[in-house]
Amino acid sequence: MKSESESPMSLQVPSDTEQKSQPLPENADDKQPKFTPEEIENSNRIFKSATPKYTFDWYVKWVASILLLMAMAIRAAQYDPFLDLCLSLTGMIGWIYVSLVWKDRAMIMLNGVATFILAMGLLNHLAG
């Protein structure tokens, strides 16, 4: 049985605003403060990306995403279904590559099915 001092209303939450150590001086080249490995590991405010940066798959991911956004804009404007299908299919092929490199089965399944659907739509459009 919990005592009154352990009730949710009386628990003290440690403040994350205390500075444990000062960030290292800023580098003039990148304008981002440097943090110690301990600060990076223990902080819930420093963004830590789970995906690698500036690798080939990183570029493919961004190009494929931009192509898909362009295809969605074309689809929303009802401009050119053929261009929409081509951009969508190209973006999906890019995401299949990324998901295979990352070995992410959910992304492989989603993008594989989407690529198949878009390819069927493109073939249907070309067949008239």
C-alpha atoms as a PDB file:
ATOM      1  CA  MET A   1       0.000   0.000   0.000  1.00  0.00           C
ATOM      2  CA  LYS A   2       1.315   3.427  -0.935  1.00  0.00           C
ATOM      3  CA  SER A   3       1.758   6.121   1.636  1.00  0.00           C
ATOM      4  CA  GLU A   4       0.553   9.644   1.056  1.00  0.00           C
ATOM      5  CA  SER A   5       4.093  10.785   0.348  1.00  0.00           C
ATOM      6  CA  GLU A   6       4.184   8.449  -2.668  1.00  0.00           C
ATOM      7  CA  SER A   7       1.000   9.733  -4.257  1.00  0.00           C
ATOM      8  CA  PRO A   8       1.305  11.065  -7.797  1.00  0.00           C
ATOM      9  CA  MET A   9       0.544  14.586  -6.604  1.00  0.00           C
ATOM     10  CA  SER A  10       3.472  14.704  -4.180  1.00  0.00           C
ATOM     11  CA  LEU A  11       6.192  13.042  -6.264  1.00  0.00           C
ATOM     12  CA  GLN A  12       9.035  15.335  -7.159  1.00  0.00           C
ATOM     13  CA  VAL A  13      10.164  15.099 -10.758  1.00  0.00           C
ATOM     14  CA  PRO A  14      13.859  15.865 -11.208  1.00  0.00           C
ATOM     15  CA  SER A  15      14.395  18.971 -13.243  1.00  0.00           C
ATOM     16  CA  ASP A  16      16.160  18.514 -16.581  1.00  0.00           C
ATOM     17  CA  THR A  17      16.982  22.208 -16.690  1.00  0.00           C
ATOM     18  CA  GLU A  18      20.063  21.922 -14.477  1.00  0.00           C
ATOM     19  CA  GLN A  19      23.254  22.240 -16.434  1.00  0.00           C
ATOM     20  CA  LYS A  20      25.613  19.427 -15.576  1.00  0.00           C
ATOM     21  CA  SER A  21      28.393  20.662 -17.815  1.00  0.00           C
ATOM     22  CA  GLN A  22      28.866  23.479 -20.263  1.00  0.00           C
ATOM     23  CA  PRO A  23      28.741  22.737 -24.008  1.00  0.00           C
ATOM     24  CA  LEU A  24      32.069  22.936 -25.735  1.00  0.00           C
ATOM     25  CA  PRO A  25      32.722  26.153 -27.664  1.00  0.00           C
ATOM     26  CA  GLU A  26      30.964  26.523 -30.980  1.00  0.00           C
ATOM     27  CA  ASN A  27      32.889  25.804 -34.124  1.00  0.00           C
ATOM     28  CA  ALA A  28      32.643  28.664 -36.609  1.00  0.00           C
ATOM     29  CA  ASP A  29      32.128  26.159 -39.440  1.00  0.00           C
ATOM     30  CA  ASP A  30      28.972  24.367 -38.335  1.00  0.00           C
ATOM     31  CA  LYS A  31      27.306  26.818 -35.885  1.00  0.00           C
ATOM     32  CA  GLN A  32      26.035  23.947 -33.695  1.00  0.00           C
ATOM     33  CA  PRO A  33      27.138  23.599 -30.084  1.00  0.00           C
ATOM     34  CA  LYS A  34      29.222  20.550 -29.289  1.00  0.00           C
ATOM     35  CA  PHE A  35      28.112  18.291 -26.472  1.00  0.00           C
ATOM     36  CA  THR A  36      29.978  15.748 -24.433  1.00  0.00           C
ATOM     37  CA  PRO A  37      29.166  12.072 -25.110  1.00  0.00           C
ATOM     38  CA  GLU A  38      27.584  11.889 -21.639  1.00  0.00           C
ATOM     39  CA  GLU A  39      25.261  14.805 -22.437  1.00  0.00           C
ATOM     40  CA  ILE A  40      24.236  13.265 -25.751  1.00  0.00           C
ATOM     41  CA  GLU A  41      23.571   9.881 -24.148  1.00  0.00           C
ATOM     42  CA  ASN A  42      21.579  11.217 -21.182  1.00  0.00           C
ATOM     43  CA  SER A  43      19.671  14.056 -22.824  1.00  0.00           C
ATOM     44  CA  ASN A  44      16.134  13.747 -24.095  1.00  0.00           C
ATOM     45  CA  ARG A  45      16.358  17.145 -25.796  1.00  0.00           C
ATOM     46  CA  ILE A  46      19.309  16.580 -28.125  1.00  0.00           C
ATOM     47  CA  PHE A  47      18.037  15.101 -31.402  1.00  0.00           C
ATOM     48  CA  LYS A  48      19.669  11.781 -32.195  1.00  0.00           C
ATOM     49  CA  SER A  49      18.787  10.448 -35.650  1.00  0.00           C
ATOM     50  CA  ALA A  50      18.433   6.696 -35.960  1.00  0.00           C
ATOM     51  CA  THR A  51      19.326   6.705 -39.653  1.00  0.00           C
ATOM     52  CA  PRO A  52      22.767   7.364 -41.134  1.00  0.00           C
ATOM     53  CA  LYS A  53      23.470  10.768 -42.664  1.00  0.00           C
ATOM     54  CA  TYR A  54      25.061  11.658 -46.000  1.00  0.00           C
ATOM     55  CA  THR A  55      25.345   8.085 -47.224  1.00  0.00           C
ATOM     56  CA  PHE A  56      24.092   7.019 -50.650  1.00  0.00           C
ATOM     57  CA  ASP A  57      20.842   5.644 -49.186  1.00  0.00           C
ATOM     58  CA  TRP A  58      20.319   8.952 -47.340  1.00  0.00           C
ATOM     59  CA  TYR A  59      20.357  10.820 -50.667  1.00  0.00           C
ATOM     60  CA  VAL A  60      18.099   8.216 -52.324  1.00  0.00           C
ATOM     61  CA  LYS A  61      15.662   8.543 -49.418  1.00  0.00           C
ATOM     62  CA  TRP A  62      15.405  12.318 -49.814  1.00  0.00           C
ATOM     63  CA  VAL A  63      15.178  12.315 -53.618  1.00  0.00           C
ATOM     64  CA  ALA A  64      12.504   9.585 -53.507  1.00  0.00           C
ATOM     65  CA  SER A  65      10.558  11.523 -50.867  1.00  0.00           C
ATOM     66  CA  ILE A  66      10.656  14.723 -52.936  1.00  0.00           C
ATOM     67  CA  LEU A  67       9.500  12.802 -56.025  1.00  0.00           C
ATOM     68  CA  LEU A  68       6.577  11.356 -54.062  1.00  0.00           C
ATOM     69  CA  LEU A  69       5.587  14.790 -52.754  1.00  0.00           C
ATOM     70  CA  MET A  70       5.701  16.190 -56.284  1.00  0.00           C
ATOM     71  CA  ALA A  71       3.521  13.303 -57.484  1.00  0.00           C
ATOM     72  CA  MET A  72       1.000  13.996 -54.713  1.00  0.00           C
ATOM     73  CA  ALA A  73       0.861  17.676 -55.650  1.00  0.00           C
ATOM     74  CA  ILE A  74       0.273  16.763 -59.302  1.00  0.00           C
ATOM     75  CA  ARG A  75      -2.418  14.270 -58.251  1.00  0.00           C
ATOM     76  CA  ALA A  76      -4.138  16.842 -56.031  1.00  0.00           C
ATOM     77  CA  ALA A  77      -4.125  19.388 -58.873  1.00  0.00           C
ATOM     78  CA  GLN A  78      -5.439  16.716 -61.267  1.00  0.00           C
ATOM     79  CA  TYR A  79      -2.813  17.886 -63.715  1.00  0.00           C
ATOM     80  CA  ASP A  80      -1.346  14.857 -65.518  1.00  0.00           C
ATOM     81  CA  PRO A  81      -2.055  11.273 -64.381  1.00  0.00           C
ATOM     82  CA  PHE A  82       0.834   9.891 -66.460  1.00  0.00           C
ATOM     83  CA  LEU A  83       3.374  12.230 -64.822  1.00  0.00           C
ATOM     84  CA  ASP A  84       1.873  11.412 -61.426  1.00  0.00           C
ATOM     85  CA  LEU A  85       2.293   7.675 -62.033  1.00  0.00           C
ATOM     86  CA  CYS A  86       5.863   8.075 -63.325  1.00  0.00           C
ATOM     87  CA  LEU A  87       6.979  10.197 -60.360  1.00  0.00           C
ATOM     88  CA  SER A  88       5.188   7.965 -57.863  1.00  0.00           C
ATOM     89  CA  LEU A  89       6.685   4.803 -59.331  1.00  0.00           C
ATOM     90  CA  THR A  90      10.189   6.294 -59.386  1.00  0.00           C
ATOM     91  CA  GLY A  91       9.845   7.444 -55.770  1.00  0.00           C
ATOM     92  CA  MET A  92       8.573   4.034 -54.684  1.00  0.00           C
ATOM     93  CA  ILE A  93      11.473   2.276 -56.420  1.00  0.00           C
ATOM     94  CA  GLY A  94      13.821   4.591 -54.509  1.00  0.00           C
ATOM     95  CA  TRP A  95      12.124   3.711 -51.231  1.00  0.00           C
ATOM     96  CA  ILE A  96      12.332  -0.003 -52.028  1.00  0.00           C
ATOM     97  CA  TYR A  97      16.089   0.405 -52.433  1.00  0.00           C
ATOM     98  CA  VAL A  98      16.321   2.246 -49.085  1.00  0.00           C
ATOM     99  CA  SER A  99      14.184  -0.326 -47.278  1.00  0.00           C
ATOM    100  CA  LEU A 100      16.316  -3.165 -48.672  1.00  0.00           C
ATOM    101  CA  VAL A 101      19.522  -1.446 -47.533  1.00  0.00           C
ATOM    102  CA  TRP A 102      18.005  -0.852 -44.085  1.00  0.00           C
ATOM    103  CA  LYS A 103      16.584  -4.405 -44.006  1.00  0.00           C
ATOM    104  CA  ASP A 104      13.240  -3.051 -42.781  1.00  0.00           C
ATOM    105  CA  ARG A 105      10.638  -5.701 -43.595  1.00  0.00           C
ATOM    106  CA  ALA A 106       7.629  -3.433 -43.024  1.00  0.00           C
ATOM    107  CA  MET A 107       9.006  -0.833 -45.435  1.00  0.00           C
ATOM    108  CA  ILE A 108       9.926  -3.534 -47.961  1.00  0.00           C
ATOM    109  CA  MET A 109       6.371  -4.892 -47.868  1.00  0.00           C
ATOM    110  CA  LEU A 110       4.687  -1.465 -48.020  1.00  0.00           C
ATOM    111  CA  ASN A 111       6.858  -0.078 -50.804  1.00  0.00           C
ATOM    112  CA  GLY A 112       6.861  -3.369 -52.725  1.00  0.00           C
ATOM    113  CA  VAL A 113       3.063  -3.499 -52.777  1.00  0.00           C
ATOM    114  CA  ALA A 114       2.845   0.218 -53.621  1.00  0.00           C
ATOM    115  CA  THR A 115       5.319  -0.252 -56.489  1.00  0.00           C
ATOM    116  CA  PHE A 116       3.299  -3.173 -57.837  1.00  0.00           C
ATOM    117  CA  ILE A 117       0.054  -1.154 -57.670  1.00  0.00           C
ATOM    118  CA  LEU A 118       1.646   1.869 -59.344  1.00  0.00           C
ATOM    119  CA  ALA A 119       3.247  -0.302 -62.050  1.00  0.00           C
ATOM    120  CA  MET A 120      -0.157  -1.866 -62.803  1.00  0.00           C
ATOM    121  CA  GLY A 121      -1.684   1.616 -62.969  1.00  0.00           C
ATOM    122  CA  LEU A 122       1.052   2.789 -65.334  1.00  0.00           C
ATOM    123  CA  LEU A 123       0.634  -0.253 -67.576  1.00  0.00           C
ATOM    124  CA  ASN A 124      -3.127   0.262 -67.558  1.00  0.00           C
ATOM    125  CA  HIS A 125      -2.661   3.928 -68.474  1.00  0.00           C
ATOM    126  CA  LEU A 126      -0.264   3.081 -71.294  1.00  0.00           C
ATOM    127  CA  ALA A 127      -2.562   0.321 -72.604  1.00  0.00           C
ATOM    128  CA  GLY A 128      -5.271   2.919 -72.857  1.00  0.00           C
END
